[in-house]
Structures are given as C-alpha cells and as structure tokens.
Amino acid sequence: MAKLRTMTLIALLFAAMGTASADTLKMDGASAMSDDGRPSRGMTQARVEAKYGSPASVRAPVGDPPITRWEYTNFVVFFEHDKVIHAVLKR
C-alpha cells in the first residue's frame, strides 16, 4: 500500500513538471546596448567623454570596486573603474 502511494506521488510530481511554463518579461531600457543616445555598457570613460563631451558634474568614486557617477543633461552614467556599467535617462 505504501509503495502504491509513493508511486502515485512520483507520477503526480512528474505530471506537474511536464506542465511547467515560463513567461518572458520585457523591460524597457534594460538591454546592454543603448539605442536612445546613452552610452553603452563597457565603454571607457575616455570614449564616453570623446563622444558626449565633458559631463555637467562628476561624483568621486565610492566603494570597492570604485563606482563613479557622471551626470549629463539627459542621462547619468555609472562607471566601475573606467568602464560604463549603467546609463539611465533622466526624467
């Protein structure tokens, strides 16, 4: 009797696993490549400055690894060491 219950439970578990599904979540602005005028992830500080000019303000590096923040008129760029890790549009 216990063996039958165990086998039934296993069969139900396998049946439940067969019906699993996944959803795709699309997040605007979450891609590594930027096509809206922001710097792309991985760009160097020198390349960002050459392409977009000098930032309006620069915040000194904070933390370990050092994170630097450059503010432009329309977006803010975050660097880890000298590479872009994120760029966000201002609202």
C-alpha atoms as a PDB file:
ATOM      1  CA  MET A   1       0.000   0.000   0.000  1.00  0.00           C
ATOM      2  CA  ALA A   2       2.810   2.444   0.914  1.00  0.00           C
ATOM      3  CA  LYS A   3       4.613   1.547  -2.305  1.00  0.00           C
ATOM      4  CA  LEU A   4       1.473   2.375  -4.320  1.00  0.00           C
ATOM      5  CA  ARG A   5       1.167   5.781  -2.613  1.00  0.00           C
ATOM      6  CA  THR A   6       4.832   6.523  -3.291  1.00  0.00           C
ATOM      7  CA  MET A   7       4.479   5.553  -6.957  1.00  0.00           C
ATOM      8  CA  THR A   8       1.323   7.690  -7.271  1.00  0.00           C
ATOM      9  CA  LEU A   9       3.064  10.665  -5.673  1.00  0.00           C
ATOM     10  CA  ILE A  10       6.042  10.303  -8.021  1.00  0.00           C
ATOM     11  CA  ALA A  11       3.721  10.068 -11.040  1.00  0.00           C
ATOM     12  CA  LEU A  12       1.884  13.227  -9.942  1.00  0.00           C
ATOM     13  CA  LEU A  13       5.164  15.082  -9.487  1.00  0.00           C
ATOM     14  CA  PHE A  14       6.342  14.127 -12.982  1.00  0.00           C
ATOM     15  CA  ALA A  15       2.973  15.142 -14.431  1.00  0.00           C
ATOM     16  CA  ALA A  16       3.210  18.544 -12.723  1.00  0.00           C
ATOM     17  CA  MET A  17       6.740  19.064 -14.036  1.00  0.00           C
ATOM     18  CA  GLY A  18       5.550  18.375 -17.583  1.00  0.00           C
ATOM     19  CA  THR A  19       3.085  21.254 -17.444  1.00  0.00           C
ATOM     20  CA  ALA A  20       5.578  23.888 -16.313  1.00  0.00           C
ATOM     21  CA  SER A  21       5.818  27.015 -18.424  1.00  0.00           C
ATOM     22  CA  ALA A  22       7.724  30.274 -18.402  1.00  0.00           C
ATOM     23  CA  ASP A  23       6.845  33.867 -19.115  1.00  0.00           C
ATOM     24  CA  THR A  24       9.070  36.344 -20.898  1.00  0.00           C
ATOM     25  CA  LEU A  25       9.477  39.664 -19.159  1.00  0.00           C
ATOM     26  CA  LYS A  26      10.326  42.585 -21.398  1.00  0.00           C
ATOM     27  CA  MET A  27      11.903  45.508 -19.587  1.00  0.00           C
ATOM     28  CA  ASP A  28      12.358  48.771 -21.440  1.00  0.00           C
ATOM     29  CA  GLY A  29      15.826  50.235 -21.043  1.00  0.00           C
ATOM     30  CA  ALA A  30      17.368  47.020 -19.727  1.00  0.00           C
ATOM     31  CA  SER A  31      19.499  45.994 -22.677  1.00  0.00           C
ATOM     32  CA  ALA A  32      23.265  46.090 -22.696  1.00  0.00           C
ATOM     33  CA  MET A  33      23.198  48.061 -25.930  1.00  0.00           C
ATOM     34  CA  SER A  34      21.720  51.528 -25.932  1.00  0.00           C
ATOM     35  CA  ASP A  35      19.991  52.993 -28.964  1.00  0.00           C
ATOM     36  CA  ASP A  36      18.475  56.051 -27.300  1.00  0.00           C
ATOM     37  CA  GLY A  37      21.548  58.254 -27.060  1.00  0.00           C
ATOM     38  CA  ARG A  38      23.017  56.837 -23.861  1.00  0.00           C
ATOM     39  CA  PRO A  39      26.499  55.333 -23.612  1.00  0.00           C
ATOM     40  CA  SER A  40      26.658  51.556 -23.977  1.00  0.00           C
ATOM     41  CA  ARG A  41      27.805  49.170 -21.263  1.00  0.00           C
ATOM     42  CA  GLY A  42      31.558  48.587 -21.478  1.00  0.00           C
ATOM     43  CA  MET A  43      32.507  51.961 -22.972  1.00  0.00           C
ATOM     44  CA  THR A  44      35.533  53.595 -21.346  1.00  0.00           C
ATOM     45  CA  GLN A  45      35.416  56.993 -19.660  1.00  0.00           C
ATOM     46  CA  ALA A  46      37.663  58.386 -22.399  1.00  0.00           C
ATOM     47  CA  ARG A  47      35.312  57.125 -25.118  1.00  0.00           C
ATOM     48  CA  VAL A  48      32.228  58.494 -23.325  1.00  0.00           C
ATOM     49  CA  GLU A  49      33.870  61.904 -22.953  1.00  0.00           C
ATOM     50  CA  ALA A  50      35.010  61.895 -26.589  1.00  0.00           C
ATOM     51  CA  LYS A  51      31.508  61.055 -27.829  1.00  0.00           C
ATOM     52  CA  TYR A  52      29.324  63.042 -25.378  1.00  0.00           C
ATOM     53  CA  GLY A  53      31.675  65.780 -24.159  1.00  0.00           C
ATOM     54  CA  SER A  54      32.528  66.678 -20.596  1.00  0.00           C
ATOM     55  CA  PRO A  55      29.861  65.805 -18.031  1.00  0.00           C
ATOM     56  CA  ALA A  56      27.967  68.578 -16.224  1.00  0.00           C
ATOM     57  CA  SER A  57      29.133  67.096 -12.919  1.00  0.00           C
ATOM     58  CA  VAL A  58      31.272  64.219 -11.684  1.00  0.00           C
ATOM     59  CA  ARG A  59      30.857  62.437  -8.359  1.00  0.00           C
ATOM     60  CA  ALA A  60      34.009  60.996  -6.845  1.00  0.00           C
ATOM     61  CA  PRO A  61      34.445  57.199  -6.795  1.00  0.00           C
ATOM     62  CA  VAL A  62      32.680  55.433  -3.916  1.00  0.00           C
ATOM     63  CA  GLY A  63      33.042  51.888  -2.601  1.00  0.00           C
ATOM     64  CA  ASP A  64      35.013  48.836  -3.616  1.00  0.00           C
ATOM     65  CA  PRO A  65      35.057  48.401  -6.557  1.00  0.00           C
ATOM     66  CA  PRO A  66      35.008  52.157  -7.093  1.00  0.00           C
ATOM     67  CA  ILE A  67      31.784  53.426  -8.702  1.00  0.00           C
ATOM     68  CA  THR A  68      31.935  56.867 -10.343  1.00  0.00           C
ATOM     69  CA  ARG A  69      28.894  58.847 -11.459  1.00  0.00           C
ATOM     70  CA  TRP A  70      28.908  61.308 -14.349  1.00  0.00           C
ATOM     71  CA  GLU A  71      25.848  63.500 -14.882  1.00  0.00           C
ATOM     72  CA  TYR A  72      24.897  64.831 -18.283  1.00  0.00           C
ATOM     73  CA  THR A  73      21.858  66.919 -19.217  1.00  0.00           C
ATOM     74  CA  ASN A  74      19.687  63.969 -20.288  1.00  0.00           C
ATOM     75  CA  PHE A  75      21.302  60.947 -18.619  1.00  0.00           C
ATOM     76  CA  VAL A  76      23.551  59.725 -15.810  1.00  0.00           C
ATOM     77  CA  VAL A  77      26.418  57.301 -16.402  1.00  0.00           C
ATOM     78  CA  PHE A  78      27.797  54.932 -13.756  1.00  0.00           C
ATOM     79  CA  PHE A  79      31.330  53.573 -14.144  1.00  0.00           C
ATOM     80  CA  GLU A  80      33.087  50.723 -12.377  1.00  0.00           C
ATOM     81  CA  HIS A  81      36.758  51.670 -12.541  1.00  0.00           C
ATOM     82  CA  ASP A  82      36.737  53.267 -16.039  1.00  0.00           C
ATOM     83  CA  LYS A  83      34.031  51.169 -17.762  1.00  0.00           C
ATOM     84  CA  VAL A  84      30.320  52.002 -18.114  1.00  0.00           C
ATOM     85  CA  ILE A  85      28.170  49.627 -16.080  1.00  0.00           C
ATOM     86  CA  HIS A  86      24.890  51.504 -16.450  1.00  0.00           C
ATOM     87  CA  ALA A  87      23.468  54.626 -18.060  1.00  0.00           C
ATOM     88  CA  VAL A  88      19.997  55.896 -17.188  1.00  0.00           C
ATOM     89  CA  LEU A  89      17.845  58.580 -18.731  1.00  0.00           C
ATOM     90  CA  LYS A  90      16.742  61.467 -16.536  1.00  0.00           C
ATOM     91  CA  ARG A  91      13.009  62.077 -16.242  1.00  0.00           C
END
